[in-house]
Amino acid sequence: MATRHKSALKANRQTIVRTAHNRELRSKLRTGLKSIRAAIDSGDSAAAKAALSQTFSLIDKMSKKKIIHDNAAGRYKSRIAKKLARKTTA
């Protein structure tokens, strides 16, 4: 049985909008992570270093907006930096 209270209907509409917005942001984050991983794997360290600051900025924005947890953001940044350092020294 569906509720008919105005507040419940509005809350449902807001949830739908927020969910769609958060899904877009998560998708943008995943795309950014894939692109920097591809740049690191390709061996082009200049392009990878250029993409690093953009990706870190994107991760920080998603963490700030609570799209991802703060610890998840730190983990992503740490793993990317470690992978880039490994590739540049090797």
N, C-alpha and C. Protein backbone atom coordinates (compact mmCIF):
# COMPACT_ATOMS: atom_id res chain seq x y z
N MET A 1 0.84 -1.18 0.00
CA MET A 1 0.00 0.00 0.00
C MET A 1 0.88 1.23 0.00
N ALA A 2 0.74 2.06 -0.99
CA ALA A 2 1.57 3.25 -1.13
C ALA A 2 1.04 4.36 -0.23
N THR A 3 1.98 5.13 0.33
CA THR A 3 1.57 6.26 1.16
C THR A 3 1.15 7.41 0.27
N ARG A 4 0.27 8.24 0.81
CA ARG A 4 -0.23 9.36 0.03
C ARG A 4 0.06 10.70 0.72
N HIS A 5 0.90 10.67 1.72
CA HIS A 5 1.25 11.93 2.38
C HIS A 5 2.11 12.77 1.45
N LYS A 6 1.86 14.05 1.44
CA LYS A 6 2.61 14.94 0.56
C LYS A 6 4.11 14.88 0.86
N SER A 7 4.43 14.83 2.14
CA SER A 7 5.84 14.82 2.52
C SER A 7 6.53 13.54 2.03
N ALA A 8 5.81 12.42 2.08
CA ALA A 8 6.39 11.15 1.62
C ALA A 8 6.58 11.16 0.11
N LEU A 9 5.63 11.74 -0.60
CA LEU A 9 5.74 11.82 -2.06
C LEU A 9 6.91 12.71 -2.47
N LYS A 10 7.05 13.84 -1.76
CA LYS A 10 8.16 14.74 -2.06
C LYS A 10 9.50 14.09 -1.72
N ALA A 11 9.56 13.41 -0.60
CA ALA A 11 10.80 12.72 -0.21
C ALA A 11 11.18 11.68 -1.25
N ASN A 12 10.19 11.00 -1.80
CA ASN A 12 10.46 10.00 -2.83
C ASN A 12 11.01 10.66 -4.09
N ARG A 13 10.41 11.78 -4.49
CA ARG A 13 10.90 12.51 -5.67
C ARG A 13 12.34 12.97 -5.46
N GLN A 14 12.63 13.48 -4.27
CA GLN A 14 13.98 13.95 -3.97
C GLN A 14 14.98 12.79 -3.99
N THR A 15 14.59 11.66 -3.48
CA THR A 15 15.45 10.48 -3.47
C THR A 15 15.79 10.06 -4.89
N ILE A 16 14.80 10.08 -5.77
CA ILE A 16 15.02 9.68 -7.17
C ILE A 16 16.01 10.62 -7.83
N VAL A 17 15.85 11.92 -7.60
CA VAL A 17 16.75 12.90 -8.20
C VAL A 17 18.17 12.75 -7.65
N ARG A 18 18.28 12.62 -6.33
CA ARG A 18 19.60 12.47 -5.71
C ARG A 18 20.30 11.20 -6.17
N THR A 19 19.56 10.12 -6.28
CA THR A 19 20.13 8.85 -6.70
C THR A 19 20.69 8.96 -8.11
N ALA A 20 19.95 9.60 -9.00
CA ALA A 20 20.41 9.77 -10.38
C ALA A 20 21.66 10.63 -10.42
N HIS A 21 21.68 11.71 -9.63
CA HIS A 21 22.83 12.61 -9.60
C HIS A 21 24.07 11.89 -9.07
N ASN A 22 23.89 11.13 -7.97
CA ASN A 22 25.01 10.40 -7.39
C ASN A 22 25.53 9.33 -8.34
N ARG A 23 24.63 8.71 -9.09
CA ARG A 23 25.04 7.69 -10.07
C ARG A 23 25.92 8.33 -11.14
N GLU A 24 25.54 9.52 -11.61
CA GLU A 24 26.35 10.22 -12.61
C GLU A 24 27.74 10.54 -12.06
N LEU A 25 27.78 11.01 -10.83
CA LEU A 25 29.07 11.36 -10.23
C LEU A 25 29.96 10.13 -10.05
N ARG A 26 29.36 9.03 -9.59
CA ARG A 26 30.13 7.78 -9.43
C ARG A 26 30.66 7.30 -10.78
N SER A 27 29.86 7.46 -11.81
CA SER A 27 30.28 7.05 -13.15
C SER A 27 31.46 7.90 -13.62
N LYS A 28 31.39 9.20 -13.34
CA LYS A 28 32.49 10.11 -13.71
C LYS A 28 33.77 9.72 -12.97
N LEU A 29 33.63 9.35 -11.72
CA LEU A 29 34.78 8.92 -10.92
C LEU A 29 35.39 7.65 -11.50
N ARG A 30 34.55 6.67 -11.81
CA ARG A 30 35.07 5.41 -12.35
C ARG A 30 35.76 5.63 -13.69
N THR A 31 35.21 6.52 -14.51
CA THR A 31 35.82 6.82 -15.80
C THR A 31 37.20 7.45 -15.59
N GLY A 32 37.28 8.38 -14.64
CA GLY A 32 38.56 9.01 -14.34
C GLY A 32 39.59 8.03 -13.85
N LEU A 33 39.16 7.10 -12.99
CA LEU A 33 40.09 6.09 -12.48
C LEU A 33 40.56 5.17 -13.60
N LYS A 34 39.65 4.79 -14.49
CA LYS A 34 40.04 3.93 -15.62
C LYS A 34 41.03 4.65 -16.53
N SER A 35 40.81 5.95 -16.76
CA SER A 35 41.68 6.67 -17.69
C SER A 35 43.10 6.81 -17.13
N ILE A 36 43.23 7.09 -15.83
CA ILE A 36 44.59 7.22 -15.28
C ILE A 36 45.27 5.86 -15.21
N ARG A 37 44.51 4.81 -14.92
CA ARG A 37 45.11 3.47 -14.91
C ARG A 37 45.59 3.10 -16.31
N ALA A 38 44.82 3.47 -17.33
CA ALA A 38 45.23 3.19 -18.71
C ALA A 38 46.48 3.98 -19.06
N ALA A 39 46.54 5.25 -18.61
CA ALA A 39 47.71 6.08 -18.89
C ALA A 39 48.95 5.51 -18.22
N ILE A 40 48.80 5.02 -17.00
CA ILE A 40 49.94 4.43 -16.28
C ILE A 40 50.38 3.15 -16.98
N ASP A 41 49.42 2.30 -17.36
CA ASP A 41 49.75 1.03 -18.01
C ASP A 41 50.36 1.22 -19.39
N SER A 42 50.02 2.33 -20.06
CA SER A 42 50.56 2.56 -21.40
C SER A 42 52.04 2.91 -21.36
N GLY A 43 52.51 3.34 -20.20
CA GLY A 43 53.93 3.66 -20.07
C GLY A 43 54.25 5.13 -20.32
N ASP A 44 53.25 5.94 -20.65
CA ASP A 44 53.46 7.37 -20.91
C ASP A 44 53.41 8.10 -19.58
N SER A 45 54.57 8.25 -18.95
CA SER A 45 54.61 8.82 -17.60
C SER A 45 54.22 10.30 -17.59
N ALA A 46 54.51 11.02 -18.67
CA ALA A 46 54.15 12.45 -18.71
C ALA A 46 52.64 12.62 -18.70
N ALA A 47 51.95 11.82 -19.50
CA ALA A 47 50.49 11.90 -19.54
C ALA A 47 49.88 11.43 -18.22
N ALA A 48 50.50 10.42 -17.63
CA ALA A 48 49.99 9.90 -16.36
C ALA A 48 50.15 10.93 -15.24
N LYS A 49 51.28 11.60 -15.21
CA LYS A 49 51.50 12.62 -14.19
C LYS A 49 50.56 13.80 -14.39
N ALA A 50 50.26 14.12 -15.64
CA ALA A 50 49.32 15.21 -15.91
C ALA A 50 47.90 14.83 -15.46
N ALA A 51 47.55 13.58 -15.67
CA ALA A 51 46.21 13.11 -15.29
C ALA A 51 46.10 12.88 -13.79
N LEU A 52 47.24 12.76 -13.12
CA LEU A 52 47.24 12.46 -11.69
C LEU A 52 46.54 13.55 -10.88
N SER A 53 46.87 14.82 -11.12
CA SER A 53 46.26 15.89 -10.33
C SER A 53 44.77 16.00 -10.61
N GLN A 54 44.38 15.79 -11.87
CA GLN A 54 42.96 15.84 -12.21
C GLN A 54 42.21 14.72 -11.50
N THR A 55 42.78 13.54 -11.49
CA THR A 55 42.13 12.40 -10.86
C THR A 55 42.06 12.58 -9.35
N PHE A 56 43.13 13.07 -8.74
CA PHE A 56 43.11 13.32 -7.30
C PHE A 56 42.06 14.35 -6.94
N SER A 57 41.94 15.38 -7.77
CA SER A 57 40.93 16.41 -7.55
C SER A 57 39.53 15.81 -7.62
N LEU A 58 39.31 14.95 -8.61
CA LEU A 58 38.02 14.30 -8.78
C LEU A 58 37.70 13.40 -7.58
N ILE A 59 38.69 12.65 -7.12
CA ILE A 59 38.50 11.78 -5.97
C ILE A 59 38.15 12.60 -4.73
N ASP A 60 38.87 13.70 -4.53
CA ASP A 60 38.61 14.56 -3.37
C ASP A 60 37.21 15.16 -3.42
N LYS A 61 36.76 15.56 -4.60
CA LYS A 61 35.41 16.11 -4.75
C LYS A 61 34.35 15.07 -4.41
N MET A 62 34.56 13.84 -4.86
CA MET A 62 33.58 12.79 -4.59
C MET A 62 33.56 12.47 -3.09
N SER A 63 34.71 12.52 -2.45
CA SER A 63 34.78 12.27 -1.02
C SER A 63 34.09 13.40 -0.25
N LYS A 64 34.31 14.62 -0.68
CA LYS A 64 33.71 15.78 -0.03
C LYS A 64 32.19 15.75 -0.13
N LYS A 65 31.68 15.26 -1.25
CA LYS A 65 30.23 15.19 -1.45
C LYS A 65 29.62 13.92 -0.89
N LYS A 66 30.46 13.10 -0.21
CA LYS A 66 30.02 11.85 0.40
C LYS A 66 29.50 10.83 -0.62
N ILE A 67 30.00 10.92 -1.85
CA ILE A 67 29.67 9.91 -2.86
C ILE A 67 30.47 8.65 -2.55
N ILE A 68 31.71 8.84 -2.10
CA ILE A 68 32.53 7.73 -1.62
C ILE A 68 33.02 8.08 -0.22
N HIS A 69 33.38 7.07 0.53
CA HIS A 69 33.87 7.26 1.89
C HIS A 69 35.27 7.88 1.86
N ASP A 70 35.60 8.62 2.90
CA ASP A 70 36.92 9.26 2.98
C ASP A 70 38.05 8.24 2.90
N ASN A 71 37.88 7.11 3.57
CA ASN A 71 38.92 6.09 3.53
C ASN A 71 39.06 5.48 2.14
N ALA A 72 37.94 5.34 1.42
CA ALA A 72 37.99 4.82 0.06
C ALA A 72 38.75 5.80 -0.83
N ALA A 73 38.53 7.10 -0.62
CA ALA A 73 39.24 8.11 -1.40
C ALA A 73 40.75 8.01 -1.15
N GLY A 74 41.13 7.89 0.10
CA GLY A 74 42.54 7.75 0.43
C GLY A 74 43.14 6.49 -0.18
N ARG A 75 42.36 5.42 -0.15
CA ARG A 75 42.84 4.16 -0.71
C ARG A 75 43.06 4.28 -2.22
N TYR A 76 42.10 4.90 -2.93
CA TYR A 76 42.25 5.10 -4.37
C TYR A 76 43.50 5.92 -4.69
N LYS A 77 43.67 7.02 -3.96
CA LYS A 77 44.81 7.91 -4.21
C LYS A 77 46.13 7.20 -3.92
N SER A 78 46.16 6.45 -2.84
CA SER A 78 47.37 5.74 -2.46
C SER A 78 47.76 4.70 -3.50
N ARG A 79 46.78 3.93 -3.94
CA ARG A 79 47.08 2.88 -4.91
C ARG A 79 47.51 3.45 -6.25
N ILE A 80 46.88 4.55 -6.68
CA ILE A 80 47.26 5.17 -7.95
C ILE A 80 48.69 5.71 -7.85
N ALA A 81 48.99 6.42 -6.75
CA ALA A 81 50.33 6.99 -6.58
C ALA A 81 51.39 5.89 -6.53
N LYS A 82 51.07 4.80 -5.84
CA LYS A 82 52.01 3.69 -5.72
C LYS A 82 52.25 3.04 -7.09
N LYS A 83 51.18 2.87 -7.85
CA LYS A 83 51.29 2.26 -9.17
C LYS A 83 52.11 3.15 -10.11
N LEU A 84 51.86 4.45 -10.04
CA LEU A 84 52.61 5.39 -10.88
C LEU A 84 54.09 5.40 -10.49
N ALA A 85 54.39 5.38 -9.21
CA ALA A 85 55.77 5.37 -8.76
C ALA A 85 56.48 4.10 -9.20
N ARG A 86 55.78 2.97 -9.15
CA ARG A 86 56.35 1.71 -9.57
C ARG A 86 56.69 1.73 -11.05
N LYS A 87 55.78 2.29 -11.85
CA LYS A 87 55.98 2.31 -13.31
C LYS A 87 57.10 3.28 -13.72
N THR A 88 57.19 4.41 -13.02
CA THR A 88 58.20 5.41 -13.41
C THR A 88 59.60 4.96 -13.01
N THR A 89 59.74 4.23 -11.89
CA THR A 89 61.06 3.79 -11.48
C THR A 89 61.51 2.56 -12.26
N ALA A 90 60.56 1.79 -12.72
CA ALA A 90 60.91 0.55 -13.43
C ALA A 90 61.32 0.80 -14.87
